[in-house]
Protein backbone atom coordinates (compact mmCIF):
# COMPACT_ATOMS: atom_id res chain seq x y z
CA LYS A 1 89.47 118.67 89.88
CA SER A 2 88.84 118.87 93.60
CA CYS A 3 91.18 118.09 96.37
CA LEU A 4 89.01 115.02 97.16
CA ASP A 5 89.80 113.57 93.83
CA SER A 6 93.50 113.25 94.76
CA TYR A 7 93.23 112.18 98.48
CA LEU A 8 94.65 108.73 98.90
CA VAL A 9 93.53 106.73 101.85
CA SER A 10 94.87 103.48 102.73
CA VAL A 11 93.12 101.10 105.28
CA ALA A 12 95.14 97.90 105.76
CA ARG A 13 94.52 94.95 108.18
CA MET A 14 97.66 94.47 110.26
CA LYS A 15 98.77 91.02 109.24
CA THR A 16 101.97 88.95 108.76
CA HIS A 17 103.36 88.23 105.31
CA VAL A 18 105.48 85.46 104.01
CA ARG A 19 107.79 87.65 102.05
CA VAL A 20 107.86 91.13 103.65
CA ILE A 21 107.00 90.27 107.16
CA ALA A 22 104.08 92.63 107.65
CA THR A 23 101.40 94.01 105.48
CA LEU A 24 100.55 97.62 106.57
CA SER A 25 99.20 100.78 104.80
CA ILE A 26 102.40 101.40 102.67
CA LYS A 27 102.29 97.86 101.31
CA ASN A 28 98.62 97.99 100.83
CA VAL A 29 98.84 100.80 98.54
CA ALA A 30 102.06 99.83 96.65
CA ILE A 31 100.92 96.33 95.69
CA GLY A 32 97.33 97.61 95.11
CA ALA A 33 98.79 99.98 92.55
CA ILE A 34 100.07 97.05 90.43
CA LEU A 35 97.48 95.65 87.98
CA ASP A 36 95.96 92.48 89.20
CA PRO A 37 97.13 90.06 86.55
CA ASP A 38 100.76 91.64 86.80
CA ARG A 39 101.08 91.31 90.65
CA ASN A 40 100.04 87.60 90.71
CA PRO A 41 103.15 85.28 89.88
CA ALA A 42 100.84 82.63 89.02
CA ARG A 43 99.07 84.55 86.16
CA SER A 44 101.79 86.65 84.70
CA GLY A 45 105.12 86.25 86.54
CA LEU A 46 105.72 90.06 85.93
CA VAL A 47 106.37 91.01 89.57
CA SER A 48 108.94 89.07 91.56
CA HIS A 49 107.91 87.92 94.87
CA ASP A 50 111.09 86.97 96.59
CA SER A 51 111.92 89.03 99.77
CA LYS A 52 114.55 91.21 98.08
CA SER A 53 112.65 92.27 94.86
CA LEU A 54 109.31 92.58 96.61
CA ASN A 55 110.63 95.09 99.41
CA LEU A 56 112.61 97.06 96.80
CA SER A 57 109.51 97.24 94.55
CA ILE A 58 107.30 98.39 97.48
CA THR A 59 109.96 101.08 98.36
CA ARG A 60 110.08 102.34 94.64
CA ILE A 61 106.42 102.40 94.32
CA ALA A 62 105.85 104.05 97.81
CA GLN A 63 108.08 107.00 96.58
CA ALA A 64 105.62 107.75 94.03
CA ILE A 65 102.32 106.68 95.57
CA VAL A 66 101.98 107.88 98.91
CA PRO A 67 98.74 107.64 101.13
CA GLN A 68 97.82 111.02 102.85
CA LEU A 69 95.92 109.16 105.40
CA ALA A 70 97.17 105.79 106.59
CA ILE A 71 95.12 103.53 108.73
CA ASN A 72 96.28 100.14 110.24
CA ASP A 73 93.50 98.14 111.64
CA GLY A 74 94.61 95.76 114.13
CA VAL A 75 91.33 95.55 115.99
CA VAL A 76 91.52 91.89 114.72
CA GLY A 77 94.60 91.28 112.72
CA MET A 78 96.13 88.14 111.22
CA GLN A 79 99.14 86.45 112.57
CA GLY A 80 100.92 83.23 111.50
CA ASN A 81 101.04 82.30 107.73
CA GLY A 82 99.56 85.49 106.24
CA PRO A 83 98.76 87.03 103.97
CA VAL A 84 96.30 84.38 103.38
CA GLU A 85 96.43 81.34 105.57
CA GLY A 86 97.05 83.10 108.91
CA VAL A 87 94.67 83.04 111.96
CA PRO A 88 93.07 86.01 113.73
CA ILE A 89 94.59 87.79 116.50
CA SER A 90 92.50 90.29 118.56
CA SER A 91 94.93 93.39 119.13
CA GLY A 92 92.21 95.78 119.87
CA VAL A 93 94.03 98.69 118.31
CA ALA A 94 94.08 100.81 115.16
CA VAL A 95 96.71 103.21 114.19
CA ALA A 96 96.09 106.34 111.83
CA GLY A 97 97.91 109.31 110.71
CA THR A 98 98.97 111.38 107.84
CA ASP A 99 102.51 110.21 107.76
CA ALA A 100 101.97 106.65 106.39
CA LEU A 101 105.73 105.71 107.23
CA ALA A 102 105.35 106.71 110.77
CA VAL A 103 102.01 104.90 111.06
CA ASP A 104 103.47 101.66 109.65
CA ARG A 105 106.50 101.87 111.89
CA ILE A 106 104.15 102.07 114.87
CA GLY A 107 102.06 99.16 113.48
CA ALA A 108 105.21 97.16 113.13
CA ARG A 109 105.83 97.66 116.74
CA ILE A 110 102.41 96.90 117.96
CA MET A 111 102.65 93.65 116.03
CA GLY A 112 105.81 92.97 118.15
CA PHE A 113 108.17 93.66 115.15
CA ASP A 114 111.18 95.97 115.07
CA PRO A 115 110.47 98.14 112.04
CA ARG A 116 114.12 97.98 110.91
CA THR A 117 113.66 94.15 110.30
CA ILE A 118 110.95 94.89 107.71
CA GLY A 119 112.71 95.75 104.37
CA TYR A 120 110.45 98.33 102.80
CA LEU A 121 110.12 100.27 106.11
CA TRP A 122 113.92 100.18 106.64
CA TYR A 123 114.63 101.37 103.15
CA LEU A 124 112.09 104.19 103.36
CA SER A 125 113.22 105.15 106.81
CA GLN A 126 116.82 105.60 105.50
CA LEU A 127 115.53 107.67 102.45
CA ARG A 128 113.70 110.00 104.91
CA SER A 129 116.37 109.60 107.77
CA MET A 130 113.37 108.62 110.01
CA SER A 131 113.65 106.78 113.33
CA SER A 132 111.46 105.79 116.22
CA GLU A 133 112.57 109.23 118.00
CA ASN A 134 111.13 111.23 115.03
CA ILE A 135 107.61 109.94 115.39
CA GLN A 136 104.99 111.83 117.72
CA VAL A 137 102.46 109.51 119.08
CA VAL A 138 99.16 110.90 120.42
CA GLY A 139 97.13 108.48 122.34
CA ASP A 140 97.87 105.21 124.40
CA ASP A 141 101.47 104.36 125.09
CA ILE A 142 102.66 101.91 122.47
CA SER A 143 104.30 99.66 124.89
CA GLN A 144 100.92 98.87 126.40
CA CYS A 145 99.36 98.00 122.88
CA ILE A 146 102.04 95.42 121.73
CA SER A 147 100.29 92.16 120.84
CA LYS A 148 103.31 90.19 119.49
CA TYR A 149 101.96 88.66 116.26
CA SER A 150 103.33 85.19 115.62
CA PRO A 151 105.36 85.53 112.47
CA HIS A 152 104.98 83.48 109.15
CA GLU A 153 106.68 80.25 109.41
CA LYS A 154 109.12 81.45 106.69
CA PHE A 155 110.07 84.48 108.83
CA ALA A 156 113.78 83.70 108.65
CA GLU A 157 113.73 83.72 104.92
CA ALA A 158 111.81 87.01 104.81
CA LEU A 159 114.69 88.44 106.71
CA GLY A 160 116.75 88.13 103.77
CA TRP A 161 115.62 91.19 102.03
CA TRP A 162 118.82 93.48 102.36
CA VAL A 163 120.38 94.33 99.16
CA LYS A 164 123.92 96.00 99.18
CA ASP A 165 123.30 98.29 96.29
CA TRP A 166 119.55 98.99 97.19
CA HIS A 167 119.89 102.72 96.20
CA SER A 168 120.71 101.79 92.46
CA TYR A 169 117.43 99.90 92.30
CA VAL A 170 115.30 102.40 94.31
CA ASP A 171 116.75 105.38 92.34
CA GLY A 172 115.93 103.69 89.07
CA ASP A 173 119.40 103.51 87.42
CA TYR A 174 119.63 99.76 87.74
CA LEU A 175 118.91 99.45 83.98
CA HIS A 176 122.03 101.48 82.93
């Protein structure tokens, strides 16, 4: 097995999302890792798509499947009622790096969102003790790249992702 066989690259279009606020590289890989019939609630119902469950599921999967190269393409992103019914927004930027969490936190900021308000980014940041101060950016000043994506019309509902005992689910002992 060569090293190329196990190198995971995530290329995600920066877009708003009805349940998790933003689709970025980590969500792209985590949800993509679930078999299609199982991730579609209309077909199987096996994966819950409420904000709490979805953010926790992305966090749990992201601990096992991590892209070694994360690329968030915001050259033309999607804002509003994403991930399907949004409208294009020309941000003119792309963010890439070998730390997917850092890349996604920067992507969220470019979209005009505080990464602490996106559940899966907050949970993963807590697990890694990562804050904005821990991220080294090479290239343009982020403050000059912010595009302020319009959130999904259900943005307020998506903010209800926090779960008090989130560690028990993410650590896997929720079945005991």
